[in-house]
């Protein structure tokens, strides 16, 4: 085997390895989020099976089993497709929609553009709230909008309009609209404006522990010490 051929073989092997790693990485990308969960729902990712959790992110190929009487809702980041399942049912997540293995087809809605990307931040927002509710510098935040740039103010106004649109077409116990607006307001540190948003979430889902964490966080950020 001459040196030129060996160099070619090594290059081809390296390229193949890079393609393999790239493909594996792509398969691991988050494609969606569970934005509602009630009852017994499990999922299998790879070879492991576990209980699904509220606001968990979903990857392509994840297989879900929804027990009788349980409910789960999945929103895809690409295409803004939202699927609602009632058990018994089984489905597999794709890149922009699921494949149903058993049970009825899901109820499908399309969220406004940009909403899935904002509610995708929910797990991180909950983590921020967990870390921030125990202390830190109190921030009033009530007049921060006066320091926003015109573009930022326009973004907030648009988010509030989108929120009203979502709220008018969403079930009473669904807090997706509030999670969306909360995310936008958090981006701009508008803690004062987040107070009525978390209050609305608590009213609609009074027993939700994650909502309680976010409410505590906003309280810390807005109350003077």
C-alpha atoms as a PDB file:
ATOM      1  CA  UNK A   1       0.000   0.000   0.000  1.00  0.00           C
ATOM      2  CA  UNK A   2       1.665   3.256  -1.088  1.00  0.00           C
ATOM      3  CA  UNK A   3       1.782   6.450   0.998  1.00  0.00           C
ATOM      4  CA  UNK A   4      -0.721   8.296  -1.190  1.00  0.00           C
ATOM      5  CA  UNK A   5      -3.310   5.575  -0.789  1.00  0.00           C
ATOM      6  CA  UNK A   6      -2.755   5.465   2.988  1.00  0.00           C
ATOM      7  CA  UNK A   7      -3.308   9.232   3.214  1.00  0.00           C
ATOM      8  CA  UNK A   8      -6.480   8.876   1.162  1.00  0.00           C
ATOM      9  CA  UNK A   9      -7.726   6.032   3.385  1.00  0.00           C
ATOM     10  CA  UNK A  10      -7.040   7.997   6.550  1.00  0.00           C
ATOM     11  CA  UNK A  11      -8.838  11.029   5.117  1.00  0.00           C
ATOM     12  CA  UNK A  12     -11.829   8.948   4.087  1.00  0.00           C
ATOM     13  CA  UNK A  13     -12.002   7.335   7.532  1.00  0.00           C
ATOM     14  CA  UNK A  14     -11.850  10.721   9.233  1.00  0.00           C
ATOM     15  CA  UNK A  15     -14.591  12.083   6.995  1.00  0.00           C
ATOM     16  CA  UNK A  16     -16.778   9.044   7.693  1.00  0.00           C
ATOM     17  CA  UNK A  17     -16.234   9.452  11.432  1.00  0.00           C
ATOM     18  CA  UNK A  18     -17.147  13.122  11.236  1.00  0.00           C
ATOM     19  CA  UNK A  19     -20.319  12.296   9.333  1.00  0.00           C
ATOM     20  CA  UNK A  20     -21.231   9.655  11.917  1.00  0.00           C
ATOM     21  CA  UNK A  21     -20.694  12.062  14.821  1.00  0.00           C
ATOM     22  CA  UNK A  22     -22.642  14.770  13.020  1.00  0.00           C
ATOM     23  CA  UNK A  23     -25.536  12.410  12.362  1.00  0.00           C
ATOM     24  CA  UNK A  24     -25.566  11.244  15.979  1.00  0.00           C
ATOM     25  CA  UNK A  25     -25.524  14.847  17.192  1.00  0.00           C
ATOM     26  CA  UNK A  26     -28.391  15.765  14.883  1.00  0.00           C
ATOM     27  CA  UNK A  27     -30.431  12.863  16.209  1.00  0.00           C
ATOM     28  CA  UNK A  28     -29.937  14.185  19.735  1.00  0.00           C
ATOM     29  CA  UNK A  29     -31.376  17.617  19.025  1.00  0.00           C
ATOM     30  CA  UNK A  30     -34.480  18.674  20.916  1.00  0.00           C
ATOM     31  CA  UNK A  31     -37.466  18.851  18.577  1.00  0.00           C
ATOM     32  CA  UNK A  32     -40.259  19.758  20.997  1.00  0.00           C
ATOM     33  CA  UNK A  33     -41.536  20.256  24.517  1.00  0.00           C
ATOM     34  CA  UNK A  34     -44.286  18.693  26.626  1.00  0.00           C
ATOM     35  CA  UNK A  35     -46.299  21.739  27.667  1.00  0.00           C
ATOM     36  CA  UNK A  36     -49.081  19.779  29.377  1.00  0.00           C
ATOM     37  CA  UNK A  37     -49.057  16.474  31.234  1.00  0.00           C
ATOM     38  CA  UNK A  38     -51.715  14.781  33.356  1.00  0.00           C
ATOM     39  CA  UNK A  39     -51.770  11.173  34.472  1.00  0.00           C
ATOM     40  CA  UNK A  40     -49.510   8.244  33.657  1.00  0.00           C
ATOM     41  CA  UNK A  41     -47.306   8.978  30.643  1.00  0.00           C
ATOM     42  CA  UNK A  42     -44.011   7.168  30.001  1.00  0.00           C
ATOM     43  CA  UNK A  43     -41.431   7.487  27.266  1.00  0.00           C
ATOM     44  CA  UNK A  44     -38.597   5.427  25.839  1.00  0.00           C
ATOM     45  CA  UNK A  45     -35.467   7.126  24.566  1.00  0.00           C
ATOM     46  CA  UNK A  46     -32.847   4.745  23.240  1.00  0.00           C
ATOM     47  CA  UNK A  47     -33.052   1.674  25.453  1.00  0.00           C
ATOM     48  CA  UNK A  48     -34.317   3.333  28.644  1.00  0.00           C
ATOM     49  CA  UNK A  49     -37.918   3.916  29.739  1.00  0.00           C
ATOM     50  CA  UNK A  50     -38.974   6.523  32.296  1.00  0.00           C
ATOM     51  CA  UNK A  51     -41.939   8.582  33.444  1.00  0.00           C
ATOM     52  CA  UNK A  52     -42.526  11.711  31.383  1.00  0.00           C
ATOM     53  CA  UNK A  53     -42.222  15.010  33.239  1.00  0.00           C
ATOM     54  CA  UNK A  54     -43.946  18.368  32.710  1.00  0.00           C
ATOM     55  CA  UNK A  55     -41.975  20.705  30.432  1.00  0.00           C
ATOM     56  CA  UNK A  56     -39.481  18.027  29.440  1.00  0.00           C
ATOM     57  CA  UNK A  57     -37.873  18.447  26.052  1.00  0.00           C
ATOM     58  CA  UNK A  58     -38.455  15.803  23.396  1.00  0.00           C
ATOM     59  CA  UNK A  59     -36.042  14.361  20.868  1.00  0.00           C
ATOM     60  CA  UNK A  60     -36.708  12.743  17.528  1.00  0.00           C
ATOM     61  CA  UNK A  61     -37.412   9.061  18.011  1.00  0.00           C
ATOM     62  CA  UNK A  62     -38.692   9.332  21.587  1.00  0.00           C
ATOM     63  CA  UNK A  63     -41.586   6.870  22.009  1.00  0.00           C
ATOM     64  CA  UNK A  64     -44.453   7.800  24.304  1.00  0.00           C
ATOM     65  CA  UNK A  65     -47.141   5.636  25.901  1.00  0.00           C
ATOM     66  CA  UNK A  66     -50.178   7.429  27.325  1.00  0.00           C
ATOM     67  CA  UNK A  67     -52.206   5.397  29.812  1.00  0.00           C
ATOM     68  CA  UNK A  68     -56.006   5.349  29.809  1.00  0.00           C
ATOM     69  CA  UNK A  69     -57.328   8.610  31.242  1.00  0.00           C
ATOM     70  CA  UNK A  70     -53.975  10.398  30.892  1.00  0.00           C
ATOM     71  CA  UNK A  71     -53.317  13.423  28.700  1.00  0.00           C
ATOM     72  CA  UNK A  72     -50.202  14.887  27.156  1.00  0.00           C
ATOM     73  CA  UNK A  73     -49.554  17.773  24.795  1.00  0.00           C
ATOM     74  CA  UNK A  74     -46.450  18.163  22.658  1.00  0.00           C
ATOM     75  CA  UNK A  75     -45.437  21.309  20.785  1.00  0.00           C
ATOM     76  CA  UNK A  76     -42.850  21.101  18.008  1.00  0.00           C
ATOM     77  CA  UNK A  77     -40.284  23.873  17.672  1.00  0.00           C
ATOM     78  CA  UNK A  78     -40.246  23.694  13.873  1.00  0.00           C
ATOM     79  CA  UNK A  79     -43.586  24.361  12.247  1.00  0.00           C
ATOM     80  CA  UNK A  80     -45.306  25.385  15.525  1.00  0.00           C
ATOM     81  CA  UNK A  81     -47.429  22.216  15.480  1.00  0.00           C
ATOM     82  CA  UNK A  82     -49.094  21.323  18.773  1.00  0.00           C
ATOM     83  CA  UNK A  83     -50.488  17.820  19.359  1.00  0.00           C
ATOM     84  CA  UNK A  84     -52.822  16.841  22.201  1.00  0.00           C
ATOM     85  CA  UNK A  85     -53.217  13.147  23.092  1.00  0.00           C
ATOM     86  CA  UNK A  86     -55.713  11.404  25.354  1.00  0.00           C
ATOM     87  CA  UNK A  87     -54.924   7.865  26.478  1.00  0.00           C
ATOM     88  CA  UNK A  88     -54.779   5.086  25.806  1.00  0.00           C
ATOM     89  CA  UNK A  89     -52.382   6.008  23.010  1.00  0.00           C
ATOM     90  CA  UNK A  90     -48.834   5.508  21.800  1.00  0.00           C
ATOM     91  CA  UNK A  91     -46.807   7.722  19.482  1.00  0.00           C
ATOM     92  CA  UNK A  92     -43.258   8.445  18.338  1.00  0.00           C
ATOM     93  CA  UNK A  93     -41.842  11.950  18.031  1.00  0.00           C
ATOM     94  CA  UNK A  94     -40.555  13.054  14.648  1.00  0.00           C
ATOM     95  CA  UNK A  95     -38.875  16.303  13.654  1.00  0.00           C
ATOM     96  CA  UNK A  96     -42.074  18.311  13.087  1.00  0.00           C
ATOM     97  CA  UNK A  97     -44.889  15.877  13.899  1.00  0.00           C
ATOM     98  CA  UNK A  98     -45.479  12.512  15.564  1.00  0.00           C
ATOM     99  CA  UNK A  99     -46.348   9.076  14.219  1.00  0.00           C
ATOM    100  CA  UNK A 100     -49.241   7.378  16.017  1.00  0.00           C
ATOM    101  CA  UNK A 101     -48.802   3.685  16.836  1.00  0.00           C
ATOM    102  CA  UNK A 102     -52.081   3.158  18.678  1.00  0.00           C
ATOM    103  CA  UNK A 103     -55.082   5.119  19.889  1.00  0.00           C
ATOM    104  CA  UNK A 104     -56.874   8.047  18.324  1.00  0.00           C
ATOM    105  CA  UNK A 105     -55.177  10.681  16.233  1.00  0.00           C
ATOM    106  CA  UNK A 106     -54.189  13.770  18.262  1.00  0.00           C
ATOM    107  CA  UNK A 107     -55.985  17.086  18.240  1.00  0.00           C
ATOM    108  CA  UNK A 108     -53.721  19.403  16.267  1.00  0.00           C
ATOM    109  CA  UNK A 109     -53.393  23.177  16.455  1.00  0.00           C
ATOM    110  CA  UNK A 110     -50.797  25.606  15.132  1.00  0.00           C
ATOM    111  CA  UNK A 111     -49.279  28.124  17.518  1.00  0.00           C
ATOM    112  CA  UNK A 112     -48.356  31.637  16.363  1.00  0.00           C
ATOM    113  CA  UNK A 113     -44.865  32.015  14.960  1.00  0.00           C
ATOM    114  CA  UNK A 114     -42.217  32.458  17.630  1.00  0.00           C
ATOM    115  CA  UNK A 115     -44.280  31.013  20.480  1.00  0.00           C
ATOM    116  CA  UNK A 116     -42.695  27.511  20.511  1.00  0.00           C
ATOM    117  CA  UNK A 117     -39.210  29.016  20.628  1.00  0.00           C
ATOM    118  CA  UNK A 118     -40.140  31.046  23.700  1.00  0.00           C
ATOM    119  CA  UNK A 119     -41.871  28.285  25.624  1.00  0.00           C
ATOM    120  CA  UNK A 120     -38.890  26.063  24.768  1.00  0.00           C
ATOM    121  CA  UNK A 121     -37.086  28.135  27.404  1.00  0.00           C
ATOM    122  CA  UNK A 122     -39.466  26.959  30.154  1.00  0.00           C
ATOM    123  CA  UNK A 123     -37.072  24.402  31.743  1.00  0.00           C
ATOM    124  CA  UNK A 124     -34.331  27.028  31.893  1.00  0.00           C
ATOM    125  CA  UNK A 125     -36.760  29.634  33.275  1.00  0.00           C
ATOM    126  CA  UNK A 126     -37.787  27.253  36.055  1.00  0.00           C
ATOM    127  CA  UNK A 127     -34.127  26.650  36.893  1.00  0.00           C
ATOM    128  CA  UNK A 128     -33.476  30.413  36.983  1.00  0.00           C
ATOM    129  CA  UNK A 129     -36.455  30.790  39.306  1.00  0.00           C
ATOM    130  CA  UNK A 130     -35.184  28.032  41.611  1.00  0.00           C
ATOM    131  CA  UNK A 131     -31.812  29.732  41.921  1.00  0.00           C
ATOM    132  CA  UNK A 132     -33.168  33.272  42.169  1.00  0.00           C
ATOM    133  CA  UNK A 133     -36.090  32.892  44.563  1.00  0.00           C
ATOM    134  CA  UNK A 134     -33.855  32.379  47.606  1.00  0.00           C
ATOM    135  CA  UNK A 135     -32.126  35.721  47.428  1.00  0.00           C
ATOM    136  CA  UNK A 136     -30.369  38.272  45.306  1.00  0.00           C
ATOM    137  CA  UNK A 137     -30.849  41.968  44.829  1.00  0.00           C
ATOM    138  CA  UNK A 138     -34.472  43.045  44.820  1.00  0.00           C
ATOM    139  CA  UNK A 139     -35.487  44.711  41.579  1.00  0.00           C
ATOM    140  CA  UNK A 140     -38.658  46.703  41.242  1.00  0.00           C
ATOM    141  CA  UNK A 141     -38.811  46.328  37.476  1.00  0.00           C
ATOM    142  CA  UNK A 142     -42.072  48.300  37.289  1.00  0.00           C
ATOM    143  CA  UNK A 143     -40.656  51.106  35.171  1.00  0.00           C
ATOM    144  CA  UNK A 144     -37.947  49.242  33.332  1.00  0.00           C
ATOM    145  CA  UNK A 145     -39.911  49.548  30.085  1.00  0.00           C
ATOM    146  CA  UNK A 146     -38.931  53.240  30.096  1.00  0.00           C
ATOM    147  CA  UNK A 147     -35.308  52.124  29.604  1.00  0.00           C
ATOM    148  CA  UNK A 148     -36.036  49.675  26.802  1.00  0.00           C
ATOM    149  CA  UNK A 149     -35.098  50.612  23.277  1.00  0.00           C
ATOM    150  CA  UNK A 150     -37.959  51.376  20.872  1.00  0.00           C
ATOM    151  CA  UNK A 151     -37.382  47.981  19.249  1.00  0.00           C
ATOM    152  CA  UNK A 152     -37.560  46.196  22.608  1.00  0.00           C
ATOM    153  CA  UNK A 153     -40.731  48.061  23.528  1.00  0.00           C
ATOM    154  CA  UNK A 154     -42.233  46.985  20.200  1.00  0.00           C
ATOM    155  CA  UNK A 155     -41.280  43.361  20.934  1.00  0.00           C
ATOM    156  CA  UNK A 156     -43.043  43.502  24.289  1.00  0.00           C
ATOM    157  CA  UNK A 157     -46.152  45.078  22.771  1.00  0.00           C
ATOM    158  CA  UNK A 158     -46.239  42.386  20.078  1.00  0.00           C
ATOM    159  CA  UNK A 159     -45.819  39.674  22.711  1.00  0.00           C
ATOM    160  CA  UNK A 160     -48.781  41.021  24.663  1.00  0.00           C
ATOM    161  CA  UNK A 161     -50.906  41.011  21.521  1.00  0.00           C
ATOM    162  CA  UNK A 162     -49.846  37.432  20.775  1.00  0.00           C
ATOM    163  CA  UNK A 163     -50.664  36.509  24.360  1.00  0.00           C
ATOM    164  CA  UNK A 164     -54.207  37.855  24.015  1.00  0.00           C
ATOM    165  CA  UNK A 165     -54.611  35.891  20.784  1.00  0.00           C
ATOM    166  CA  UNK A 166     -53.401  32.713  22.467  1.00  0.00           C
ATOM    167  CA  UNK A 167     -55.497  33.240  25.576  1.00  0.00           C
ATOM    168  CA  UNK A 168     -58.674  33.627  23.524  1.00  0.00           C
ATOM    169  CA  UNK A 169     -58.150  30.258  21.799  1.00  0.00           C
ATOM    170  CA  UNK A 170     -56.661  28.188  24.628  1.00  0.00           C
ATOM    171  CA  UNK A 171     -58.348  26.027  27.258  1.00  0.00           C
ATOM    172  CA  UNK A 172     -58.892  27.585  30.676  1.00  0.00           C
ATOM    173  CA  UNK A 173     -56.400  25.293  32.441  1.00  0.00           C
ATOM    174  CA  UNK A 174     -53.717  25.666  29.761  1.00  0.00           C
ATOM    175  CA  UNK A 175     -50.924  28.041  30.805  1.00  0.00           C
ATOM    176  CA  UNK A 176     -49.050  28.024  27.483  1.00  0.00           C
ATOM    177  CA  UNK A 177     -50.041  31.677  26.816  1.00  0.00           C
ATOM    178  CA  UNK A 178     -48.721  32.735  30.214  1.00  0.00           C
ATOM    179  CA  UNK A 179     -45.478  30.768  29.811  1.00  0.00           C
ATOM    180  CA  UNK A 180     -44.919  32.510  26.499  1.00  0.00           C
ATOM    181  CA  UNK A 181     -45.451  36.004  27.895  1.00  0.00           C
ATOM    182  CA  UNK A 182     -43.443  35.204  31.032  1.00  0.00           C
ATOM    183  CA  UNK A 183     -40.508  34.184  28.828  1.00  0.00           C
ATOM    184  CA  UNK A 184     -40.581  37.438  26.861  1.00  0.00           C
ATOM    185  CA  UNK A 185     -40.856  39.568  30.007  1.00  0.00           C
ATOM    186  CA  UNK A 186     -37.996  37.633  31.635  1.00  0.00           C
ATOM    187  CA  UNK A 187     -35.833  38.366  28.591  1.00  0.00           C
ATOM    188  CA  UNK A 188     -36.319  42.082  29.319  1.00  0.00           C
ATOM    189  CA  UNK A 189     -36.221  41.752  33.134  1.00  0.00           C
ATOM    190  CA  UNK A 190     -39.727  43.183  33.466  1.00  0.00           C
ATOM    191  CA  UNK A 191     -40.350  41.616  36.858  1.00  0.00           C
ATOM    192  CA  UNK A 192     -43.178  43.948  37.788  1.00  0.00           C
ATOM    193  CA  UNK A 193     -45.119  42.981  34.677  1.00  0.00           C
ATOM    194  CA  UNK A 194     -44.448  39.314  35.416  1.00  0.00           C
ATOM    195  CA  UNK A 195     -46.449  39.502  38.663  1.00  0.00           C
ATOM    196  CA  UNK A 196     -49.914  39.374  37.071  1.00  0.00           C
ATOM    197  CA  UNK A 197     -48.683  36.690  34.664  1.00  0.00           C
ATOM    198  CA  UNK A 198     -47.638  34.308  37.442  1.00  0.00           C
ATOM    199  CA  UNK A 199     -50.835  35.162  39.344  1.00  0.00           C
ATOM    200  CA  UNK A 200     -52.805  34.097  36.274  1.00  0.00           C
ATOM    201  CA  UNK A 201     -50.842  30.860  36.062  1.00  0.00           C
ATOM    202  CA  UNK A 202     -51.538  30.122  39.733  1.00  0.00           C
ATOM    203  CA  UNK A 203     -55.239  30.754  39.206  1.00  0.00           C
ATOM    204  CA  UNK A 204     -55.375  28.378  36.246  1.00  0.00           C
ATOM    205  CA  UNK A 205     -53.115  25.681  37.742  1.00  0.00           C
ATOM    206  CA  UNK A 206     -53.130  26.207  41.527  1.00  0.00           C
ATOM    207  CA  UNK A 207     -51.399  22.921  42.288  1.00  0.00           C
ATOM    208  CA  UNK A 208     -48.524  23.272  39.824  1.00  0.00           C
ATOM    209  CA  UNK A 209     -45.226  23.244  41.804  1.00  0.00           C
ATOM    210  CA  UNK A 210     -43.238  24.810  38.952  1.00  0.00           C
ATOM    211  CA  UNK A 211     -45.654  27.725  38.790  1.00  0.00           C
ATOM    212  CA  UNK A 212     -45.248  28.176  42.553  1.00  0.00           C
ATOM    213  CA  UNK A 213     -41.477  28.382  42.095  1.00  0.00           C
ATOM    214  CA  UNK A 214     -41.834  31.048  39.403  1.00  0.00           C
ATOM    215  CA  UNK A 215     -44.276  33.003  41.557  1.00  0.00           C
ATOM    216  CA  UNK A 216     -41.829  32.959  44.491  1.00  0.00           C
ATOM    217  CA  UNK A 217     -39.036  34.123  42.191  1.00  0.00           C
ATOM    218  CA  UNK A 218     -41.040  37.083  40.902  1.00  0.00           C
ATOM    219  CA  UNK A 219     -42.016  37.976  44.470  1.00  0.00           C
ATOM    220  CA  UNK A 220     -38.361  38.093  45.503  1.00  0.00           C
ATOM    221  CA  UNK A 221     -37.503  40.240  42.510  1.00  0.00           C
ATOM    222  CA  UNK A 222     -40.257  42.797  43.066  1.00  0.00           C
ATOM    223  CA  UNK A 223     -40.544  43.173  46.808  1.00  0.00           C
ATOM    224  CA  UNK A 224     -38.329  45.718  48.519  1.00  0.00           C
ATOM    225  CA  UNK A 225     -36.284  44.539  51.471  1.00  0.00           C
END
